Amino acid sequence: MWTRIFVIHNPFFSGDAGLSPSRHGRKCKTESEKTLTLQHVVEDGHLVVVHSWVKLKSDDIGVALVHIFRFQNELIAELWDIVQAVPENSPNEYGMF
């Protein structure tokens, strides 16, 4: 059940937007080919960091996404998200993932 509104530090949403069921449901319908592949999850006390590879379609190169969650009383209190485009041509032989 989605009952908690928390602070979001994302410049593209209002700071108290939270993740409401209706917003989440609309995004799922409009982005039905979207995939999110977890790469790393790190927990340190009240913080959890999730590093993911997100593609809107299967043939997209995608973006690297980092979510930082701060928990309070076992609920998400704050969320930061950081996005970086995956470059098509990179000199780094190890890639982003």
PDB file of N, CA and C in Angstrom:
ATOM      1  N   MET A   1       0.836  -1.178   0.000  1.00  0.00           N
ATOM      2  CA  MET A   1       0.000   0.000   0.000  1.00  0.00           C
ATOM      3  C   MET A   1       0.880   1.240   0.000  1.00  0.00           C
ATOM      4  N   TRP A   2       0.613   2.168  -0.846  1.00  0.00           N
ATOM      5  CA  TRP A   2       1.387   3.410  -0.997  1.00  0.00           C
ATOM      6  C   TRP A   2       0.729   4.497  -0.155  1.00  0.00           C
ATOM      7  N   THR A   3       1.146   4.634   1.081  1.00  0.00           N
ATOM      8  CA  THR A   3       0.488   5.601   1.946  1.00  0.00           C
ATOM      9  C   THR A   3       1.403   6.746   2.352  1.00  0.00           C
ATOM     10  N   ARG A   4       2.664   6.671   2.046  1.00  0.00           N
ATOM     11  CA  ARG A   4       3.630   7.654   2.537  1.00  0.00           C
ATOM     12  C   ARG A   4       4.042   8.595   1.416  1.00  0.00           C
ATOM     13  N   ILE A   5       3.912   9.885   1.640  1.00  0.00           N
ATOM     14  CA  ILE A   5       4.486  10.873   0.735  1.00  0.00           C
ATOM     15  C   ILE A   5       5.808  11.291   1.345  1.00  0.00           C
ATOM     16  N   PHE A   6       6.864  11.285   0.547  1.00  0.00           N
ATOM     17  CA  PHE A   6       8.188  11.609   1.056  1.00  0.00           C
ATOM     18  C   PHE A   6       8.801  12.710   0.201  1.00  0.00           C
ATOM     19  N   VAL A   7       9.910  13.228   0.655  1.00  0.00           N
ATOM     20  CA  VAL A   7      10.589  14.320  -0.036  1.00  0.00           C
ATOM     21  C   VAL A   7      11.393  13.764  -1.194  1.00  0.00           C
ATOM     22  N   ILE A   8      11.197  14.351  -2.378  1.00  0.00           N
ATOM     23  CA  ILE A   8      11.934  13.944  -3.576  1.00  0.00           C
ATOM     24  C   ILE A   8      12.866  15.074  -3.984  1.00  0.00           C
ATOM     25  N   HIS A   9      14.124  14.738  -4.204  1.00  0.00           N
ATOM     26  CA  HIS A   9      15.120  15.716  -4.649  1.00  0.00           C
ATOM     27  C   HIS A   9      15.371  15.481  -6.136  1.00  0.00           C
ATOM     28  N   ASN A  10      14.380  15.751  -6.946  1.00  0.00           N
ATOM     29  CA  ASN A  10      14.463  15.565  -8.403  1.00  0.00           C
ATOM     30  C   ASN A  10      13.989  16.866  -9.029  1.00  0.00           C
ATOM     31  N   PRO A  11      14.807  17.491  -9.884  1.00  0.00           N
ATOM     32  CA  PRO A  11      14.432  18.791 -10.426  1.00  0.00           C
ATOM     33  C   PRO A  11      13.232  18.750 -11.375  1.00  0.00           C
ATOM     34  N   PHE A  12      12.768  17.573 -11.754  1.00  0.00           N
ATOM     35  CA  PHE A  12      11.669  17.447 -12.705  1.00  0.00           C
ATOM     36  C   PHE A  12      10.312  17.174 -12.053  1.00  0.00           C
ATOM     37  N   PHE A  13      10.266  17.067 -10.718  1.00  0.00           N
ATOM     38  CA  PHE A  13       9.029  16.818  -9.977  1.00  0.00           C
ATOM     39  C   PHE A  13       8.958  17.772  -8.800  1.00  0.00           C
ATOM     40  N   SER A  14       7.756  18.008  -8.300  1.00  0.00           N
ATOM     41  CA  SER A  14       7.648  18.799  -7.083  1.00  0.00           C
ATOM     42  C   SER A  14       8.293  18.013  -5.938  1.00  0.00           C
ATOM     43  N   GLY A  15       8.778  18.714  -4.944  1.00  0.00           N
ATOM     44  CA  GLY A  15       9.524  18.078  -3.862  1.00  0.00           C
ATOM     45  C   GLY A  15       8.724  17.152  -2.985  1.00  0.00           C
ATOM     46  N   ASP A  16       7.396  17.243  -3.047  1.00  0.00           N
ATOM     47  CA  ASP A  16       6.565  16.365  -2.217  1.00  0.00           C
ATOM     48  C   ASP A  16       5.713  15.427  -3.068  1.00  0.00           C
ATOM     49  N   ALA A  17       6.163  15.157  -4.289  1.00  0.00           N
ATOM     50  CA  ALA A  17       5.356  14.375  -5.236  1.00  0.00           C
ATOM     51  C   ALA A  17       5.101  12.953  -4.766  1.00  0.00           C
ATOM     52  N   GLY A  18       6.062  12.345  -4.094  1.00  0.00           N
ATOM     53  CA  GLY A  18       5.889  10.956  -3.687  1.00  0.00           C
ATOM     54  C   GLY A  18       5.693  10.056  -4.905  1.00  0.00           C
ATOM     55  N   LEU A  19       5.497   8.803  -4.668  1.00  0.00           N
ATOM     56  CA  LEU A  19       5.222   7.852  -5.747  1.00  0.00           C
ATOM     57  C   LEU A  19       3.818   7.323  -5.547  1.00  0.00           C
ATOM     58  N   SER A  20       2.850   8.011  -6.091  1.00  0.00           N
ATOM     59  CA  SER A  20       1.463   7.606  -5.891  1.00  0.00           C
ATOM     60  C   SER A  20       1.109   6.448  -6.803  1.00  0.00           C
ATOM     61  N   PRO A  21       0.175   5.604  -6.409  1.00  0.00           N
ATOM     62  CA  PRO A  21      -0.226   4.482  -7.254  1.00  0.00           C
ATOM     63  C   PRO A  21      -0.725   4.940  -8.622  1.00  0.00           C
ATOM     64  N   SER A  22      -1.458   6.046  -8.679  1.00  0.00           N
ATOM     65  CA  SER A  22      -1.998   6.482  -9.970  1.00  0.00           C
ATOM     66  C   SER A  22      -0.887   6.942 -10.896  1.00  0.00           C
ATOM     67  N   ARG A  23       0.078   7.674 -10.375  1.00  0.00           N
ATOM     68  CA  ARG A  23       1.207   8.116 -11.204  1.00  0.00           C
ATOM     69  C   ARG A  23       2.026   6.919 -11.676  1.00  0.00           C
ATOM     70  N   HIS A  24       2.288   6.005 -10.783  1.00  0.00           N
ATOM     71  CA  HIS A  24       3.063   4.820 -11.131  1.00  0.00           C
ATOM     72  C   HIS A  24       2.331   3.989 -12.186  1.00  0.00           C
ATOM     73  N   GLY A  25       1.033   3.817 -12.037  1.00  0.00           N
ATOM     74  CA  GLY A  25       0.236   3.057 -13.001  1.00  0.00           C
ATOM     75  C   GLY A  25       0.225   3.702 -14.375  1.00  0.00           C
ATOM     76  N   ARG A  26       0.116   5.025 -14.423  1.00  0.00           N
ATOM     77  CA  ARG A  26       0.151   5.736 -15.711  1.00  0.00           C
ATOM     78  C   ARG A  26       1.492   5.559 -16.397  1.00  0.00           C
ATOM     79  N   LYS A  27       2.595   5.642 -15.636  1.00  0.00           N
ATOM     80  CA  LYS A  27       3.924   5.470 -16.208  1.00  0.00           C
ATOM     81  C   LYS A  27       4.096   4.060 -16.764  1.00  0.00           C
ATOM     82  N   CYS A  28       3.572   3.061 -16.071  1.00  0.00           N
ATOM     83  CA  CYS A  28       3.685   1.676 -16.544  1.00  0.00           C
ATOM     84  C   CYS A  28       2.948   1.483 -17.862  1.00  0.00           C
ATOM     85  N   LYS A  29       1.805   2.122 -18.020  1.00  0.00           N
ATOM     86  CA  LYS A  29       1.030   1.985 -19.251  1.00  0.00           C
ATOM     87  C   LYS A  29       1.701   2.686 -20.420  1.00  0.00           C
ATOM     88  N   THR A  30       2.294   3.860 -20.189  1.00  0.00           N
ATOM     89  CA  THR A  30       2.906   4.617 -21.281  1.00  0.00           C
ATOM     90  C   THR A  30       4.319   4.148 -21.594  1.00  0.00           C
ATOM     91  N   GLU A  31       4.948   3.449 -20.682  1.00  0.00           N
ATOM     92  CA  GLU A  31       6.311   2.958 -20.890  1.00  0.00           C
ATOM     93  C   GLU A  31       6.338   1.440 -20.731  1.00  0.00           C
ATOM     94  N   SER A  32       5.479   0.759 -21.483  1.00  0.00           N
ATOM     95  CA  SER A  32       5.308  -0.686 -21.301  1.00  0.00           C
ATOM     96  C   SER A  32       6.535  -1.499 -21.688  1.00  0.00           C
ATOM     97  N   GLU A  33       7.445  -0.953 -22.509  1.00  0.00           N
ATOM     98  CA  GLU A  33       8.654  -1.673 -22.903  1.00  0.00           C
ATOM     99  C   GLU A  33       9.840  -1.358 -22.000  1.00  0.00           C
ATOM    100  N   LYS A  34       9.646  -0.490 -21.046  1.00  0.00           N
ATOM    101  CA  LYS A  34      10.724  -0.046 -20.170  1.00  0.00           C
ATOM    102  C   LYS A  34      11.268  -1.204 -19.339  1.00  0.00           C
ATOM    103  N   THR A  35      12.608  -1.279 -19.252  1.00  0.00           N
ATOM    104  CA  THR A  35      13.245  -2.266 -18.383  1.00  0.00           C
ATOM    105  C   THR A  35      14.176  -1.556 -17.415  1.00  0.00           C
ATOM    106  N   LEU A  36      14.284  -2.090 -16.233  1.00  0.00           N
ATOM    107  CA  LEU A  36      15.197  -1.600 -15.222  1.00  0.00           C
ATOM    108  C   LEU A  36      15.968  -2.809 -14.713  1.00  0.00           C
ATOM    109  N   THR A  37      17.276  -2.812 -14.942  1.00  0.00           N
ATOM    110  CA  THR A  37      18.127  -3.925 -14.532  1.00  0.00           C
ATOM    111  C   THR A  37      19.003  -3.471 -13.373  1.00  0.00           C
ATOM    112  N   LEU A  38      18.822  -4.092 -12.214  1.00  0.00           N
ATOM    113  CA  LEU A  38      19.638  -3.740 -11.053  1.00  0.00           C
ATOM    114  C   LEU A  38      21.079  -4.152 -11.288  1.00  0.00           C
ATOM    115  N   GLN A  39      21.994  -3.246 -10.979  1.00  0.00           N
ATOM    116  CA  GLN A  39      23.420  -3.520 -11.101  1.00  0.00           C
ATOM    117  C   GLN A  39      24.062  -3.693  -9.723  1.00  0.00           C
ATOM    118  N   HIS A  40      23.708  -2.792  -8.801  1.00  0.00           N
ATOM    119  CA  HIS A  40      24.257  -2.840  -7.450  1.00  0.00           C
ATOM    120  C   HIS A  40      23.232  -2.297  -6.456  1.00  0.00           C
ATOM    121  N   VAL A  41      23.249  -2.829  -5.253  1.00  0.00           N
ATOM    122  CA  VAL A  41      22.453  -2.302  -4.152  1.00  0.00           C
ATOM    123  C   VAL A  41      23.378  -2.238  -2.937  1.00  0.00           C
ATOM    124  N   VAL A  42      23.442  -1.066  -2.306  1.00  0.00           N
ATOM    125  CA  VAL A  42      24.317  -0.856  -1.159  1.00  0.00           C
ATOM    126  C   VAL A  42      23.487  -0.272  -0.020  1.00  0.00           C
ATOM    127  N   GLU A  43      23.658  -0.838   1.180  1.00  0.00           N
ATOM    128  CA  GLU A  43      22.952  -0.337   2.361  1.00  0.00           C
ATOM    129  C   GLU A  43      23.981   0.127   3.375  1.00  0.00           C
ATOM    130  N   ASP A  44      23.731   1.304   3.934  1.00  0.00           N
ATOM    131  CA  ASP A  44      24.592   1.836   4.980  1.00  0.00           C
ATOM    132  C   ASP A  44      23.712   2.541   5.999  1.00  0.00           C
ATOM    133  N   GLY A  45      23.362   1.834   7.051  1.00  0.00           N
ATOM    134  CA  GLY A  45      22.495   2.407   8.076  1.00  0.00           C
ATOM    135  C   GLY A  45      21.123   2.737   7.519  1.00  0.00           C
ATOM    136  N   HIS A  46      20.763   4.002   7.544  1.00  0.00           N
ATOM    137  CA  HIS A  46      19.436   4.422   7.082  1.00  0.00           C
ATOM    138  C   HIS A  46      19.418   4.773   5.589  1.00  0.00           C
ATOM    139  N   LEU A  47      20.540   4.564   4.886  1.00  0.00           N
ATOM    140  CA  LEU A  47      20.612   4.855   3.455  1.00  0.00           C
ATOM    141  C   LEU A  47      20.715   3.581   2.630  1.00  0.00           C
ATOM    142  N   VAL A  48      20.000   3.558   1.510  1.00  0.00           N
ATOM    143  CA  VAL A  48      20.103   2.469   0.536  1.00  0.00           C
ATOM    144  C   VAL A  48      20.338   3.107  -0.822  1.00  0.00           C
ATOM    145  N   VAL A  49      21.350   2.628  -1.536  1.00  0.00           N
ATOM    146  CA  VAL A  49      21.693   3.141  -2.860  1.00  0.00           C
ATOM    147  C   VAL A  49      21.463   2.027  -3.873  1.00  0.00           C
ATOM    148  N   VAL A  50      20.733   2.338  -4.941  1.00  0.00           N
ATOM    149  CA  VAL A  50      20.439   1.362  -5.989  1.00  0.00           C
ATOM    150  C   VAL A  50      20.963   1.914  -7.308  1.00  0.00           C
ATOM    151  N   HIS A  51      21.855   1.167  -7.944  1.00  0.00           N
ATOM    152  CA  HIS A  51      22.439   1.520  -9.246  1.00  0.00           C
ATOM    153  C   HIS A  51      21.780   0.628 -10.293  1.00  0.00           C
ATOM    154  N   SER A  52      21.164   1.242 -11.293  1.00  0.00           N
ATOM    155  CA  SER A  52      20.380   0.484 -12.279  1.00  0.00           C
ATOM    156  C   SER A  52      20.716   0.917 -13.704  1.00  0.00           C
ATOM    157  N   TRP A  53      20.370   0.055 -14.643  1.00  0.00           N
ATOM    158  CA  TRP A  53      20.452   0.355 -16.072  1.00  0.00           C
ATOM    159  C   TRP A  53      19.022   0.376 -16.579  1.00  0.00           C
ATOM    160  N   VAL A  54      18.587   1.521 -17.099  1.00  0.00           N
ATOM    161  CA  VAL A  54      17.208   1.699 -17.535  1.00  0.00           C
ATOM    162  C   VAL A  54      17.160   1.905 -19.042  1.00  0.00           C
ATOM    163  N   LYS A  55      16.255   1.170 -19.691  1.00  0.00           N
ATOM    164  CA  LYS A  55      16.009   1.317 -21.131  1.00  0.00           C
ATOM    165  C   LYS A  55      14.515   1.515 -21.336  1.00  0.00           C
ATOM    166  N   LEU A  56      14.134   2.499 -22.168  1.00  0.00           N
ATOM    167  CA  LEU A  56      12.721   2.701 -22.472  1.00  0.00           C
ATOM    168  C   LEU A  56      12.212   1.692 -23.483  1.00  0.00           C
ATOM    169  N   LYS A  57      13.108   1.212 -24.357  1.00  0.00           N
ATOM    170  CA  LYS A  57      12.790   0.168 -25.335  1.00  0.00           C
ATOM    171  C   LYS A  57      13.972  -0.785 -25.399  1.00  0.00           C
ATOM    172  N   SER A  58      13.757  -1.988 -25.887  1.00  0.00           N
ATOM    173  CA  SER A  58      14.811  -3.004 -25.874  1.00  0.00           C
ATOM    174  C   SER A  58      16.027  -2.611 -26.695  1.00  0.00           C
ATOM    175  N   ASP A  59      15.846  -1.797 -27.743  1.00  0.00           N
ATOM    176  CA  ASP A  59      16.987  -1.425 -28.583  1.00  0.00           C
ATOM    177  C   ASP A  59      17.627  -0.098 -28.161  1.00  0.00           C
ATOM    178  N   ASP A  60      17.142   0.519 -27.077  1.00  0.00           N
ATOM    179  CA  ASP A  60      17.752   1.744 -26.556  1.00  0.00           C
ATOM    180  C   ASP A  60      19.081   1.421 -25.895  1.00  0.00           C
ATOM    181  N   ILE A  61      20.004   2.372 -25.937  1.00  0.00           N
ATOM    182  CA  ILE A  61      21.267   2.205 -25.216  1.00  0.00           C
ATOM    183  C   ILE A  61      21.067   2.431 -23.719  1.00  0.00           C
ATOM    184  N   GLY A  62      20.112   3.288 -23.376  1.00  0.00           N
ATOM    185  CA  GLY A  62      19.694   3.449 -21.997  1.00  0.00           C
ATOM    186  C   GLY A  62      20.444   4.496 -21.209  1.00  0.00           C
ATOM    187  N   VAL A  63      20.160   4.507 -19.904  1.00  0.00           N
ATOM    188  CA  VAL A  63      20.788   5.429 -18.962  1.00  0.00           C
ATOM    189  C   VAL A  63      21.191   4.662 -17.714  1.00  0.00           C
ATOM    190  N   ALA A  64      22.212   5.185 -17.046  1.00  0.00           N
ATOM    191  CA  ALA A  64      22.566   4.691 -15.717  1.00  0.00           C
ATOM    192  C   ALA A  64      21.771   5.525 -14.729  1.00  0.00           C
ATOM    193  N   LEU A  65      21.161   4.875 -13.767  1.00  0.00           N
ATOM    194  CA  LEU A  65      20.312   5.549 -12.795  1.00  0.00           C
ATOM    195  C   LEU A  65      20.758   5.145 -11.395  1.00  0.00           C
ATOM    196  N   VAL A  66      20.932   6.138 -10.539  1.00  0.00           N
ATOM    197  CA  VAL A  66      21.261   5.883  -9.139  1.00  0.00           C
ATOM    198  C   VAL A  66      20.155   6.493  -8.287  1.00  0.00           C
ATOM    199  N   HIS A  67      19.517   5.673  -7.471  1.00  0.00           N
ATOM    200  CA  HIS A  67      18.539   6.138  -6.496  1.00  0.00           C
ATOM    201  C   HIS A  67      19.183   6.036  -5.120  1.00  0.00           C
ATOM    202  N   ILE A  68      19.056   7.103  -4.355  1.00  0.00           N
ATOM    203  CA  ILE A  68      19.516   7.090  -2.970  1.00  0.00           C
ATOM    204  C   ILE A  68      18.277   7.275  -2.096  1.00  0.00           C
ATOM    205  N   PHE A  69      17.993   6.300  -1.281  1.00  0.00           N
ATOM    206  CA  PHE A  69      16.835   6.336  -0.389  1.00  0.00           C
ATOM    207  C   PHE A  69      17.310   6.548   1.049  1.00  0.00           C
ATOM    208  N   ARG A  70      16.642   7.451   1.762  1.00  0.00           N
ATOM    209  CA  ARG A  70      16.869   7.595   3.192  1.00  0.00           C
ATOM    210  C   ARG A  70      15.620   7.110   3.903  1.00  0.00           C
ATOM    211  N   PHE A  71      15.807   6.136   4.783  1.00  0.00           N
ATOM    212  CA  PHE A  71      14.690   5.551   5.517  1.00  0.00           C
ATOM    213  C   PHE A  71      14.577   6.159   6.905  1.00  0.00           C
ATOM    214  N   GLN A  72      13.346   6.273   7.365  1.00  0.00           N
ATOM    215  CA  GLN A  72      13.048   6.731   8.725  1.00  0.00           C
ATOM    216  C   GLN A  72      11.849   5.935   9.206  1.00  0.00           C
ATOM    217  N   ASN A  73      11.985   5.279  10.338  1.00  0.00           N
ATOM    218  CA  ASN A  73      10.914   4.437  10.882  1.00  0.00           C
ATOM    219  C   ASN A  73      10.441   3.394   9.855  1.00  0.00           C
ATOM    220  N   GLU A  74      11.379   2.789   9.152  1.00  0.00           N
ATOM    221  CA  GLU A  74      11.129   1.736   8.162  1.00  0.00           C
ATOM    222  C   GLU A  74      10.341   2.208   6.942  1.00  0.00           C
ATOM    223  N   LEU A  75      10.261   3.528   6.731  1.00  0.00           N
ATOM    224  CA  LEU A  75       9.604   4.098   5.556  1.00  0.00           C
ATOM    225  C   LEU A  75      10.598   4.979   4.818  1.00  0.00           C
ATOM    226  N   ILE A  76      10.390   5.134   3.516  1.00  0.00           N
ATOM    227  CA  ILE A  76      11.229   6.043   2.751  1.00  0.00           C
ATOM    228  C   ILE A  76      10.889   7.471   3.162  1.00  0.00           C
ATOM    229  N   ALA A  77      11.897   8.208   3.612  1.00  0.00           N
ATOM    230  CA  ALA A  77      11.702   9.595   4.016  1.00  0.00           C
ATOM    231  C   ALA A  77      12.165  10.560   2.930  1.00  0.00           C
ATOM    232  N   GLU A  78      13.228  10.184   2.198  1.00  0.00           N
ATOM    233  CA  GLU A  78      13.755  11.041   1.133  1.00  0.00           C
ATOM    234  C   GLU A  78      14.285  10.185   0.003  1.00  0.00           C
ATOM    235  N   LEU A  79      14.275  10.776  -1.200  1.00  0.00           N
ATOM    236  CA  LEU A  79      14.776  10.092  -2.399  1.00  0.00           C
ATOM    237  C   LEU A  79      15.546  11.078  -3.253  1.00  0.00           C
ATOM    238  N   TRP A  80      16.744  10.673  -3.641  1.00  0.00           N
ATOM    239  CA  TRP A  80      17.534  11.407  -4.613  1.00  0.00           C
ATOM    240  C   TRP A  80      17.710  10.486  -5.808  1.00  0.00           C
ATOM    241  N   ASP A  81      17.649  11.037  -7.023  1.00  0.00           N
ATOM    242  CA  ASP A  81      17.965  10.213  -8.191  1.00  0.00           C
ATOM    243  C   ASP A  81      18.902  10.964  -9.111  1.00  0.00           C
ATOM    244  N   ILE A  82      19.853  10.215  -9.630  1.00  0.00           N
ATOM    245  CA  ILE A  82      20.910  10.747 -10.484  1.00  0.00           C
ATOM    246  C   ILE A  82      20.899   9.930 -11.765  1.00  0.00           C
ATOM    247  N   VAL A  83      20.877  10.623 -12.913  1.00  0.00           N
ATOM    248  CA  VAL A  83      20.777   9.944 -14.199  1.00  0.00           C
ATOM    249  C   VAL A  83      21.967  10.338 -15.070  1.00  0.00           C
ATOM    250  N   GLN A  84      22.543   9.357 -15.754  1.00  0.00           N
ATOM    251  CA  GLN A  84      23.633   9.610 -16.693  1.00  0.00           C
ATOM    252  C   GLN A  84      23.372   8.811 -17.957  1.00  0.00           C
ATOM    253  N   ALA A  85      23.394   9.479 -19.092  1.00  0.00           N
ATOM    254  CA  ALA A  85      23.200   8.798 -20.370  1.00  0.00           C
ATOM    255  C   ALA A  85      24.358   7.841 -20.636  1.00  0.00           C
ATOM    256  N   VAL A  86      24.045   6.688 -21.207  1.00  0.00           N
ATOM    257  CA  VAL A  86      25.078   5.747 -21.627  1.00  0.00           C
ATOM    258  C   VAL A  86      25.587   6.231 -22.988  1.00  0.00           C
ATOM    259  N   PRO A  87      26.880   6.524 -23.105  1.00  0.00           N
ATOM    260  CA  PRO A  87      27.391   7.011 -24.389  1.00  0.00           C
ATOM    261  C   PRO A  87      27.452   5.892 -25.425  1.00  0.00           C
ATOM    262  N   GLU A  88      27.166   6.243 -26.674  1.00  0.00           N
ATOM    263  CA  GLU A  88      27.248   5.237 -27.741  1.00  0.00           C
ATOM    264  C   GLU A  88      28.674   4.794 -27.983  1.00  0.00           C
ATOM    265  N   ASN A  89      29.595   5.730 -27.949  1.00  0.00           N
ATOM    266  CA  ASN A  89      31.010   5.424 -28.185  1.00  0.00           C
ATOM    267  C   ASN A  89      31.822   5.931 -27.008  1.00  0.00           C
ATOM    268  N   SER A  90      32.389   5.030 -26.259  1.00  0.00           N
ATOM    269  CA  SER A  90      33.178   5.406 -25.095  1.00  0.00           C
ATOM    270  C   SER A  90      34.578   4.811 -25.223  1.00  0.00           C
ATOM    271  N   PRO A  91      35.597   5.566 -24.851  1.00  0.00           N
ATOM    272  CA  PRO A  91      36.954   5.013 -24.888  1.00  0.00           C
ATOM    273  C   PRO A  91      37.220   4.030 -23.742  1.00  0.00           C
ATOM    274  N   ASN A  92      36.299   3.939 -22.791  1.00  0.00           N
ATOM    275  CA  ASN A  92      36.486   3.055 -21.641  1.00  0.00           C
ATOM    276  C   ASN A  92      36.108   1.625 -22.020  1.00  0.00           C
ATOM    277  N   GLU A  93      37.094   0.743 -22.032  1.00  0.00           N
ATOM    278  CA  GLU A  93      36.867  -0.654 -22.450  1.00  0.00           C
ATOM    279  C   GLU A  93      36.025  -1.451 -21.472  1.00  0.00           C
ATOM    280  N   TYR A  94      35.804  -0.950 -20.253  1.00  0.00           N
ATOM    281  CA  TYR A  94      35.023  -1.664 -19.256  1.00  0.00           C
ATOM    282  C   TYR A  94      33.537  -1.317 -19.310  1.00  0.00           C
ATOM    283  N   GLY A  95      33.181  -0.222 -19.982  1.00  0.00           N
ATOM    284  CA  GLY A  95      31.782   0.163 -20.081  1.00  0.00           C
ATOM    285  C   GLY A  95      31.244   0.702 -18.762  1.00  0.00           C
ATOM    286  N   MET A  96      29.979   1.055 -18.764  1.00  0.00           N
ATOM    287  CA  MET A  96      29.372   1.634 -17.568  1.00  0.00           C
ATOM    288  C   MET A  96      28.849   0.581 -16.597  1.00  0.00           C
ATOM    289  N   PHE A  97      28.672  -0.634 -17.069  1.00  0.00           N
ATOM    290  CA  PHE A  97      28.093  -1.652 -16.189  1.00  0.00           C
ATOM    291  C   PHE A  97      29.031  -2.816 -16.069  1.00  0.00           C
TER     292      PHE A  97
END
